[in-house]
C-alpha atoms as a PDB file:
ATOM      1  CA  UNK A   1     105.623  -5.849 -41.943  1.00  0.00           C
ATOM      2  CA  UNK A   2     102.968  -7.063 -39.655  1.00  0.00           C
ATOM      3  CA  UNK A   3      99.377  -6.626 -40.349  1.00  0.00           C
ATOM      4  CA  UNK A   4      99.042  -4.362 -37.223  1.00  0.00           C
ATOM      5  CA  UNK A   5     101.921  -2.259 -38.776  1.00  0.00           C
ATOM      6  CA  UNK A   6     100.433  -1.884 -41.929  1.00  0.00           C
ATOM      7  CA  UNK A   7      97.051  -0.612 -40.604  1.00  0.00           C
ATOM      8  CA  UNK A   8      96.201   2.994 -41.363  1.00  0.00           C
ATOM      9  CA  UNK A   9      95.579   4.928 -38.196  1.00  0.00           C
ATOM     10  CA  UNK A  10      92.220   6.468 -37.386  1.00  0.00           C
ATOM     11  CA  UNK A  11      92.181  10.074 -36.558  1.00  0.00           C
ATOM     12  CA  UNK A  12      90.600  10.769 -33.213  1.00  0.00           C
ATOM     13  CA  UNK A  13      87.911  13.371 -33.520  1.00  0.00           C
ATOM     14  CA  UNK A  14      86.578  13.495 -29.882  1.00  0.00           C
ATOM     15  CA  UNK A  15      86.862  11.638 -26.743  1.00  0.00           C
ATOM     16  CA  UNK A  16      84.838  11.875 -23.450  1.00  0.00           C
ATOM     17  CA  UNK A  17      86.586  12.804 -20.295  1.00  0.00           C
ATOM     18  CA  UNK A  18      86.921  10.112 -17.501  1.00  0.00           C
ATOM     19  CA  UNK A  19      86.236  10.864 -13.864  1.00  0.00           C
ATOM     20  CA  UNK A  20      87.540   8.663 -11.112  1.00  0.00           C
ATOM     21  CA  UNK A  21      88.387   8.479  -7.552  1.00  0.00           C
ATOM     22  CA  UNK A  22      91.710   7.025  -6.169  1.00  0.00           C
ATOM     23  CA  UNK A  23      91.529   4.606  -3.355  1.00  0.00           C
ATOM     24  CA  UNK A  24      94.700   3.003  -2.112  1.00  0.00           C
ATOM     25  CA  UNK A  25      96.261   3.273  -5.476  1.00  0.00           C
ATOM     26  CA  UNK A  26      93.249   1.967  -7.261  1.00  0.00           C
ATOM     27  CA  UNK A  27      91.319   4.120  -9.966  1.00  0.00           C
ATOM     28  CA  UNK A  28      87.528   3.875  -9.136  1.00  0.00           C
ATOM     29  CA  UNK A  29      85.299   5.112 -11.986  1.00  0.00           C
ATOM     30  CA  UNK A  30      82.628   7.531 -10.497  1.00  0.00           C
ATOM     31  CA  UNK A  31      79.026   6.859 -11.203  1.00  0.00           C
ATOM     32  CA  UNK A  32      75.970   9.141 -10.834  1.00  0.00           C
ATOM     33  CA  UNK A  33      72.148   8.713 -11.214  1.00  0.00           C
ATOM     34  CA  UNK A  34      70.671  11.330 -13.555  1.00  0.00           C
ATOM     35  CA  UNK A  35      66.768  11.847 -14.145  1.00  0.00           C
ATOM     36  CA  UNK A  36      65.879  12.348 -17.754  1.00  0.00           C
ATOM     37  CA  UNK A  37      63.060  14.891 -18.487  1.00  0.00           C
ATOM     38  CA  UNK A  38      61.978  15.070 -21.957  1.00  0.00           C
ATOM     39  CA  UNK A  39      59.438  17.702 -23.135  1.00  0.00           C
ATOM     40  CA  UNK A  40      58.731  18.510 -19.541  1.00  0.00           C
ATOM     41  CA  UNK A  41      57.728  14.977 -18.403  1.00  0.00           C
ATOM     42  CA  UNK A  42      60.102  12.666 -16.430  1.00  0.00           C
ATOM     43  CA  UNK A  43      61.121   9.924 -18.627  1.00  0.00           C
ATOM     44  CA  UNK A  44      63.447   7.545 -16.953  1.00  0.00           C
ATOM     45  CA  UNK A  45      66.885   7.366 -15.025  1.00  0.00           C
ATOM     46  CA  UNK A  46      70.531   6.767 -16.439  1.00  0.00           C
ATOM     47  CA  UNK A  47      73.605   5.834 -14.579  1.00  0.00           C
ATOM     48  CA  UNK A  48      76.377   7.673 -16.049  1.00  0.00           C
ATOM     49  CA  UNK A  49      79.943   9.088 -15.382  1.00  0.00           C
ATOM     50  CA  UNK A  50      79.568  12.843 -14.830  1.00  0.00           C
ATOM     51  CA  UNK A  51      81.232  13.899 -17.966  1.00  0.00           C
ATOM     52  CA  UNK A  52      79.880  14.697 -21.381  1.00  0.00           C
ATOM     53  CA  UNK A  53      76.371  14.560 -19.970  1.00  0.00           C
ATOM     54  CA  UNK A  54      75.219  16.929 -22.693  1.00  0.00           C
ATOM     55  CA  UNK A  55      76.495  14.374 -25.295  1.00  0.00           C
ATOM     56  CA  UNK A  56      74.621  11.483 -23.543  1.00  0.00           C
ATOM     57  CA  UNK A  57      71.275  13.738 -24.076  1.00  0.00           C
ATOM     58  CA  UNK A  58      72.292  14.664 -27.579  1.00  0.00           C
ATOM     59  CA  UNK A  59      72.901  10.944 -28.485  1.00  0.00           C
ATOM     60  CA  UNK A  60      69.580   9.946 -27.016  1.00  0.00           C
ATOM     61  CA  UNK A  61      67.826  12.475 -29.383  1.00  0.00           C
ATOM     62  CA  UNK A  62      69.838  11.427 -32.494  1.00  0.00           C
ATOM     63  CA  UNK A  63      69.214   7.835 -31.944  1.00  0.00           C
ATOM     64  CA  UNK A  64      65.601   8.017 -31.181  1.00  0.00           C
ATOM     65  CA  UNK A  65      63.400   8.010 -34.276  1.00  0.00           C
ATOM     66  CA  UNK A  66      60.618  10.619 -34.394  1.00  0.00           C
ATOM     67  CA  UNK A  67      62.478  13.354 -32.058  1.00  0.00           C
ATOM     68  CA  UNK A  68      62.952  15.754 -34.557  1.00  0.00           C
ATOM     69  CA  UNK A  69      66.069  17.700 -35.919  1.00  0.00           C
ATOM     70  CA  UNK A  70      68.748  17.009 -33.153  1.00  0.00           C
ATOM     71  CA  UNK A  71      70.153  20.438 -34.227  1.00  0.00           C
ATOM     72  CA  UNK A  72      67.084  22.131 -32.821  1.00  0.00           C
ATOM     73  CA  UNK A  73      67.085  20.223 -29.521  1.00  0.00           C
ATOM     74  CA  UNK A  74      67.393  22.256 -26.169  1.00  0.00           C
ATOM     75  CA  UNK A  75      69.593  20.279 -23.751  1.00  0.00           C
ATOM     76  CA  UNK A  76      70.144  21.637 -20.100  1.00  0.00           C
ATOM     77  CA  UNK A  77      71.873  19.709 -17.385  1.00  0.00           C
ATOM     78  CA  UNK A  78      71.074  20.925 -13.725  1.00  0.00           C
ATOM     79  CA  UNK A  79      72.222  18.974 -10.882  1.00  0.00           C
ATOM     80  CA  UNK A  80      71.083  15.301 -11.342  1.00  0.00           C
ATOM     81  CA  UNK A  81      68.303  16.327 -13.846  1.00  0.00           C
ATOM     82  CA  UNK A  82      68.853  16.316 -17.814  1.00  0.00           C
ATOM     83  CA  UNK A  83      66.252  18.439 -19.537  1.00  0.00           C
ATOM     84  CA  UNK A  84      65.502  17.805 -23.173  1.00  0.00           C
ATOM     85  CA  UNK A  85      63.283  19.918 -25.332  1.00  0.00           C
ATOM     86  CA  UNK A  86      62.916  18.445 -28.883  1.00  0.00           C
ATOM     87  CA  UNK A  87      60.278  17.562 -31.305  1.00  0.00           C
ATOM     88  CA  UNK A  88      58.172  14.526 -31.298  1.00  0.00           C
ATOM     89  CA  UNK A  89      58.302  11.925 -28.483  1.00  0.00           C
ATOM     90  CA  UNK A  90      60.689   8.952 -27.368  1.00  0.00           C
ATOM     91  CA  UNK A  91      59.692   5.453 -28.159  1.00  0.00           C
ATOM     92  CA  UNK A  92      61.334   3.331 -25.351  1.00  0.00           C
ATOM     93  CA  UNK A  93      61.980   4.027 -21.675  1.00  0.00           C
ATOM     94  CA  UNK A  94      65.712   4.388 -20.652  1.00  0.00           C
ATOM     95  CA  UNK A  95      66.126   1.714 -18.019  1.00  0.00           C
ATOM     96  CA  UNK A  96      69.328   2.547 -16.083  1.00  0.00           C
ATOM     97  CA  UNK A  97      71.651  -0.324 -15.890  1.00  0.00           C
ATOM     98  CA  UNK A  98      69.152  -2.850 -16.949  1.00  0.00           C
ATOM     99  CA  UNK A  99      70.246  -5.166 -19.683  1.00  0.00           C
ATOM    100  CA  UNK A 100      66.526  -5.969 -20.891  1.00  0.00           C
ATOM    101  CA  UNK A 101      63.525  -3.895 -21.443  1.00  0.00           C
ATOM    102  CA  UNK A 102      62.284  -2.656 -24.702  1.00  0.00           C
ATOM    103  CA  UNK A 103      64.486  -1.566 -27.449  1.00  0.00           C
ATOM    104  CA  UNK A 104      63.932   1.660 -29.284  1.00  0.00           C
ATOM    105  CA  UNK A 105      61.856   1.770 -32.403  1.00  0.00           C
ATOM    106  CA  UNK A 106      64.140   0.708 -35.234  1.00  0.00           C
ATOM    107  CA  UNK A 107      64.262   0.919 -38.994  1.00  0.00           C
ATOM    108  CA  UNK A 108      65.650  -1.688 -41.567  1.00  0.00           C
ATOM    109  CA  UNK A 109      69.107  -0.546 -42.375  1.00  0.00           C
ATOM    110  CA  UNK A 110      69.998  -1.040 -46.057  1.00  0.00           C
ATOM    111  CA  UNK A 111      73.815  -0.286 -46.568  1.00  0.00           C
ATOM    112  CA  UNK A 112      75.094   0.780 -49.926  1.00  0.00           C
ATOM    113  CA  UNK A 113      78.579  -0.260 -49.093  1.00  0.00           C
ATOM    114  CA  UNK A 114      79.746  -3.743 -48.022  1.00  0.00           C
ATOM    115  CA  UNK A 115      82.007  -4.537 -45.048  1.00  0.00           C
ATOM    116  CA  UNK A 116      84.919  -6.869 -45.170  1.00  0.00           C
ATOM    117  CA  UNK A 117      87.132  -8.598 -42.806  1.00  0.00           C
ATOM    118  CA  UNK A 118      89.819  -5.805 -43.326  1.00  0.00           C
ATOM    119  CA  UNK A 119      87.310  -3.431 -41.812  1.00  0.00           C
ATOM    120  CA  UNK A 120      86.942  -5.713 -38.866  1.00  0.00           C
ATOM    121  CA  UNK A 121      90.617  -6.032 -38.296  1.00  0.00           C
ATOM    122  CA  UNK A 122      91.387  -2.431 -38.548  1.00  0.00           C
ATOM    123  CA  UNK A 123      88.520  -1.416 -36.200  1.00  0.00           C
ATOM    124  CA  UNK A 124      89.336  -4.294 -33.708  1.00  0.00           C
ATOM    125  CA  UNK A 125      93.142  -3.350 -33.457  1.00  0.00           C
ATOM    126  CA  UNK A 126      92.540   0.349 -33.169  1.00  0.00           C
ATOM    127  CA  UNK A 127      89.679  -0.103 -30.605  1.00  0.00           C
ATOM    128  CA  UNK A 128      91.920  -2.327 -28.555  1.00  0.00           C
ATOM    129  CA  UNK A 129      94.230   0.546 -27.864  1.00  0.00           C
ATOM    130  CA  UNK A 130      91.550   3.040 -26.908  1.00  0.00           C
ATOM    131  CA  UNK A 131      89.676   1.260 -23.943  1.00  0.00           C
ATOM    132  CA  UNK A 132      89.324   2.885 -20.704  1.00  0.00           C
ATOM    133  CA  UNK A 133      90.895  -0.064 -18.852  1.00  0.00           C
ATOM    134  CA  UNK A 134      94.033   0.287 -21.236  1.00  0.00           C
ATOM    135  CA  UNK A 135      94.374   3.960 -21.496  1.00  0.00           C
ATOM    136  CA  UNK A 136      93.370   5.140 -17.953  1.00  0.00           C
ATOM    137  CA  UNK A 137      93.392   1.888 -15.695  1.00  0.00           C
ATOM    138  CA  UNK A 138      89.663   2.277 -14.697  1.00  0.00           C
ATOM    139  CA  UNK A 139      86.912  -0.222 -14.862  1.00  0.00           C
ATOM    140  CA  UNK A 140      84.577   1.406 -17.285  1.00  0.00           C
ATOM    141  CA  UNK A 141      83.103   0.641 -20.623  1.00  0.00           C
ATOM    142  CA  UNK A 142      84.166   2.149 -23.977  1.00  0.00           C
ATOM    143  CA  UNK A 143      82.153   2.598 -27.147  1.00  0.00           C
ATOM    144  CA  UNK A 144      83.678   3.919 -30.356  1.00  0.00           C
ATOM    145  CA  UNK A 145      82.011   4.888 -33.661  1.00  0.00           C
ATOM    146  CA  UNK A 146      84.283   4.797 -36.793  1.00  0.00           C
ATOM    147  CA  UNK A 147      83.785   6.603 -40.192  1.00  0.00           C
ATOM    148  CA  UNK A 148      85.736   4.050 -42.262  1.00  0.00           C
ATOM    149  CA  UNK A 149      85.376   6.423 -45.365  1.00  0.00           C
ATOM    150  CA  UNK A 150      87.174   9.419 -43.607  1.00  0.00           C
ATOM    151  CA  UNK A 151      89.361   7.389 -41.229  1.00  0.00           C
ATOM    152  CA  UNK A 152      88.120   9.015 -38.200  1.00  0.00           C
ATOM    153  CA  UNK A 153      86.869   7.851 -34.797  1.00  0.00           C
ATOM    154  CA  UNK A 154      84.901   9.105 -31.672  1.00  0.00           C
ATOM    155  CA  UNK A 155      85.416   7.402 -28.346  1.00  0.00           C
ATOM    156  CA  UNK A 156      83.112   7.267 -25.238  1.00  0.00           C
ATOM    157  CA  UNK A 157      83.847   5.940 -21.827  1.00  0.00           C
ATOM    158  CA  UNK A 158      81.320   5.484 -19.280  1.00  0.00           C
ATOM    159  CA  UNK A 159      80.243   3.198 -16.349  1.00  0.00           C
ATOM    160  CA  UNK A 160      77.435   1.875 -18.268  1.00  0.00           C
ATOM    161  CA  UNK A 161      77.767   0.380 -21.580  1.00  0.00           C
ATOM    162  CA  UNK A 162      74.206   1.723 -22.472  1.00  0.00           C
ATOM    163  CA  UNK A 163      75.056   5.277 -21.759  1.00  0.00           C
ATOM    164  CA  UNK A 164      78.342   4.844 -23.453  1.00  0.00           C
ATOM    165  CA  UNK A 165      76.575   4.203 -26.639  1.00  0.00           C
ATOM    166  CA  UNK A 166      74.535   7.326 -26.318  1.00  0.00           C
ATOM    167  CA  UNK A 167      77.616   9.403 -25.640  1.00  0.00           C
ATOM    168  CA  UNK A 168      79.356   7.988 -28.603  1.00  0.00           C
ATOM    169  CA  UNK A 169      76.340   8.796 -30.854  1.00  0.00           C
ATOM    170  CA  UNK A 170      76.379  12.313 -29.411  1.00  0.00           C
ATOM    171  CA  UNK A 171      80.075  12.833 -30.043  1.00  0.00           C
ATOM    172  CA  UNK A 172      79.515  11.459 -33.518  1.00  0.00           C
ATOM    173  CA  UNK A 173      76.873  13.693 -34.399  1.00  0.00           C
ATOM    174  CA  UNK A 174      78.796  16.821 -33.261  1.00  0.00           C
ATOM    175  CA  UNK A 175      82.101  15.481 -35.130  1.00  0.00           C
ATOM    176  CA  UNK A 176      80.105  15.257 -38.407  1.00  0.00           C
ATOM    177  CA  UNK A 177      80.388  11.436 -38.855  1.00  0.00           C
ATOM    178  CA  UNK A 178      76.738  11.095 -39.480  1.00  0.00           C
ATOM    179  CA  UNK A 179      76.723  11.983 -43.097  1.00  0.00           C
ATOM    180  CA  UNK A 180      74.405  10.255 -45.553  1.00  0.00           C
ATOM    181  CA  UNK A 181      75.668   6.974 -47.082  1.00  0.00           C
ATOM    182  CA  UNK A 182      78.813   7.236 -44.677  1.00  0.00           C
ATOM    183  CA  UNK A 183      80.266   3.689 -44.023  1.00  0.00           C
ATOM    184  CA  UNK A 184      80.066   3.648 -40.165  1.00  0.00           C
ATOM    185  CA  UNK A 185      81.313   0.806 -37.839  1.00  0.00           C
ATOM    186  CA  UNK A 186      81.440   0.762 -33.987  1.00  0.00           C
ATOM    187  CA  UNK A 187      83.059  -1.393 -31.338  1.00  0.00           C
ATOM    188  CA  UNK A 188      82.140  -1.860 -27.551  1.00  0.00           C
ATOM    189  CA  UNK A 189      83.909  -3.464 -24.629  1.00  0.00           C
ATOM    190  CA  UNK A 190      80.376  -4.382 -23.265  1.00  0.00           C
ATOM    191  CA  UNK A 191      77.900  -7.172 -24.338  1.00  0.00           C
ATOM    192  CA  UNK A 192      75.767  -5.803 -27.261  1.00  0.00           C
ATOM    193  CA  UNK A 193      72.237  -5.730 -26.163  1.00  0.00           C
ATOM    194  CA  UNK A 194      69.210  -4.779 -28.223  1.00  0.00           C
ATOM    195  CA  UNK A 195      69.236  -1.150 -27.066  1.00  0.00           C
ATOM    196  CA  UNK A 196      72.821  -0.755 -28.006  1.00  0.00           C
ATOM    197  CA  UNK A 197      72.487  -2.443 -31.497  1.00  0.00           C
ATOM    198  CA  UNK A 198      69.423  -0.562 -32.465  1.00  0.00           C
ATOM    199  CA  UNK A 199      70.720   2.915 -31.344  1.00  0.00           C
ATOM    200  CA  UNK A 200      73.791   2.258 -33.509  1.00  0.00           C
ATOM    201  CA  UNK A 201      71.799   0.953 -36.391  1.00  0.00           C
ATOM    202  CA  UNK A 202      69.423   3.945 -36.458  1.00  0.00           C
ATOM    203  CA  UNK A 203      72.503   6.338 -36.968  1.00  0.00           C
ATOM    204  CA  UNK A 204      73.459   4.037 -40.106  1.00  0.00           C
ATOM    205  CA  UNK A 205      76.162   1.726 -38.373  1.00  0.00           C
ATOM    206  CA  UNK A 206      76.301  -1.451 -40.351  1.00  0.00           C
ATOM    207  CA  UNK A 207      79.138  -3.162 -38.594  1.00  0.00           C
ATOM    208  CA  UNK A 208      79.294  -3.715 -34.804  1.00  0.00           C
ATOM    209  CA  UNK A 209      82.204  -5.566 -32.967  1.00  0.00           C
ATOM    210  CA  UNK A 210      81.761  -6.656 -29.331  1.00  0.00           C
ATOM    211  CA  UNK A 211      84.680  -7.449 -27.284  1.00  0.00           C
ATOM    212  CA  UNK A 212      82.601  -9.468 -24.875  1.00  0.00           C
ATOM    213  CA  UNK A 213      79.946 -11.142 -26.826  1.00  0.00           C
ATOM    214  CA  UNK A 214      76.293 -10.302 -27.604  1.00  0.00           C
ATOM    215  CA  UNK A 215      73.031 -10.871 -25.660  1.00  0.00           C
ATOM    216  CA  UNK A 216      70.261 -12.897 -27.542  1.00  0.00           C
ATOM    217  CA  UNK A 217      68.423  -9.585 -27.685  1.00  0.00           C
ATOM    218  CA  UNK A 218      71.402  -8.119 -29.382  1.00  0.00           C
ATOM    219  CA  UNK A 219      71.415 -10.978 -31.937  1.00  0.00           C
ATOM    220  CA  UNK A 220      67.843 -10.458 -32.697  1.00  0.00           C
ATOM    221  CA  UNK A 221      68.116  -6.805 -32.998  1.00  0.00           C
ATOM    222  CA  UNK A 222      71.042  -7.152 -35.425  1.00  0.00           C
ATOM    223  CA  UNK A 223      68.957  -9.442 -37.604  1.00  0.00           C
ATOM    224  CA  UNK A 224      66.133  -7.061 -37.578  1.00  0.00           C
ATOM    225  CA  UNK A 225      68.191  -4.020 -38.560  1.00  0.00           C
ATOM    226  CA  UNK A 226      70.683  -5.498 -40.889  1.00  0.00           C
ATOM    227  CA  UNK A 227      73.720  -5.057 -38.923  1.00  0.00           C
ATOM    228  CA  UNK A 228      76.724  -7.328 -39.351  1.00  0.00           C
ATOM    229  CA  UNK A 229      77.711  -8.342 -35.818  1.00  0.00           C
ATOM    230  CA  UNK A 230      81.179  -9.673 -34.924  1.00  0.00           C
ATOM    231  CA  UNK A 231      82.104 -10.896 -31.647  1.00  0.00           C
ATOM    232  CA  UNK A 232      85.481 -11.571 -29.955  1.00  0.00           C
ATOM    233  CA  UNK A 233      84.285 -14.824 -28.807  1.00  0.00           C
ATOM    234  CA  UNK A 234      85.712 -17.761 -26.606  1.00  0.00           C
ATOM    235  CA  UNK A 235      86.526 -20.669 -28.792  1.00  0.00           C
ATOM    236  CA  UNK A 236      88.407 -23.647 -27.145  1.00  0.00           C
ATOM    237  CA  UNK A 237      90.980 -22.432 -24.998  1.00  0.00           C
ATOM    238  CA  UNK A 238      91.502 -18.992 -26.834  1.00  0.00           C
ATOM    239  CA  UNK A 239      89.415 -16.323 -28.371  1.00  0.00           C
ATOM    240  CA  UNK A 240      88.682 -15.311 -31.917  1.00  0.00           C
ATOM    241  CA  UNK A 241      86.630 -12.853 -34.046  1.00  0.00           C
ATOM    242  CA  UNK A 242      83.451 -14.821 -35.084  1.00  0.00           C
ATOM    243  CA  UNK A 243      80.752 -13.462 -37.539  1.00  0.00           C
ATOM    244  CA  UNK A 244      77.326 -13.888 -35.955  1.00  0.00           C
ATOM    245  CA  UNK A 245      75.012 -11.962 -37.974  1.00  0.00           C
ATOM    246  CA  UNK A 246      75.009 -10.398 -41.560  1.00  0.00           C
ATOM    247  CA  UNK A 247      77.828 -10.878 -44.093  1.00  0.00           C
ATOM    248  CA  UNK A 248      81.361  -9.852 -44.912  1.00  0.00           C
ATOM    249  CA  UNK A 249      82.142  -9.463 -48.562  1.00  0.00           C
ATOM    250  CA  UNK A 250      85.371 -11.691 -48.329  1.00  0.00           C
ATOM    251  CA  UNK A 251      83.983 -14.287 -46.015  1.00  0.00           C
ATOM    252  CA  UNK A 252      84.709 -17.721 -47.154  1.00  0.00           C
ATOM    253  CA  UNK A 253      83.171 -19.568 -44.351  1.00  0.00           C
END
């Protein structure tokens, strides 16, 4: 029996909707610009698919340290504006499609449970079957958050990898994946930038797999937060999974 056949399937707990237009038989993902208004003040703009926008806002509140109890946040979407009323104040501007800019405030993550290559392979093969390109034939990013203890996954698709992370965090919160001491992992079709790594680390994600490699800012963020970062990287004429930061308990390299 192959390794893939032996893998235990993850149960899908939640998935965002996809929105696209069809032009000459080509599915084109729809992107819209939203203004974010936090506690009455305009905070920035995000580019996102017009679906699960409330989850995007919830993910922002959940992954921002000092924003208070996400369950008490009030989120309203009216037209091109997302209104959030929550405790505290955000720590970093949302920067639309920008890869740079300041990352959110982060905490040092201390994981009680070690990760192994078996976790990497199980997430990688499962995630490979859940991408927007593979499932829906659209050019969009996918981010998934995995509860390795419960064998559950939430999946977010969006035109921006930055907002896909926020939607995935929002889905994970609503699905009850963000319990104390839960062994969380994540995977992304996009390059792992600092904001993505920090937001995932802030919810307790200790393992991140990037299908397109990280940015230098993402590497630095992974080291600062204690995240184990694995990349599906080009090596020679092919690609392979490479450990870039952190450790895996069965790593013999």
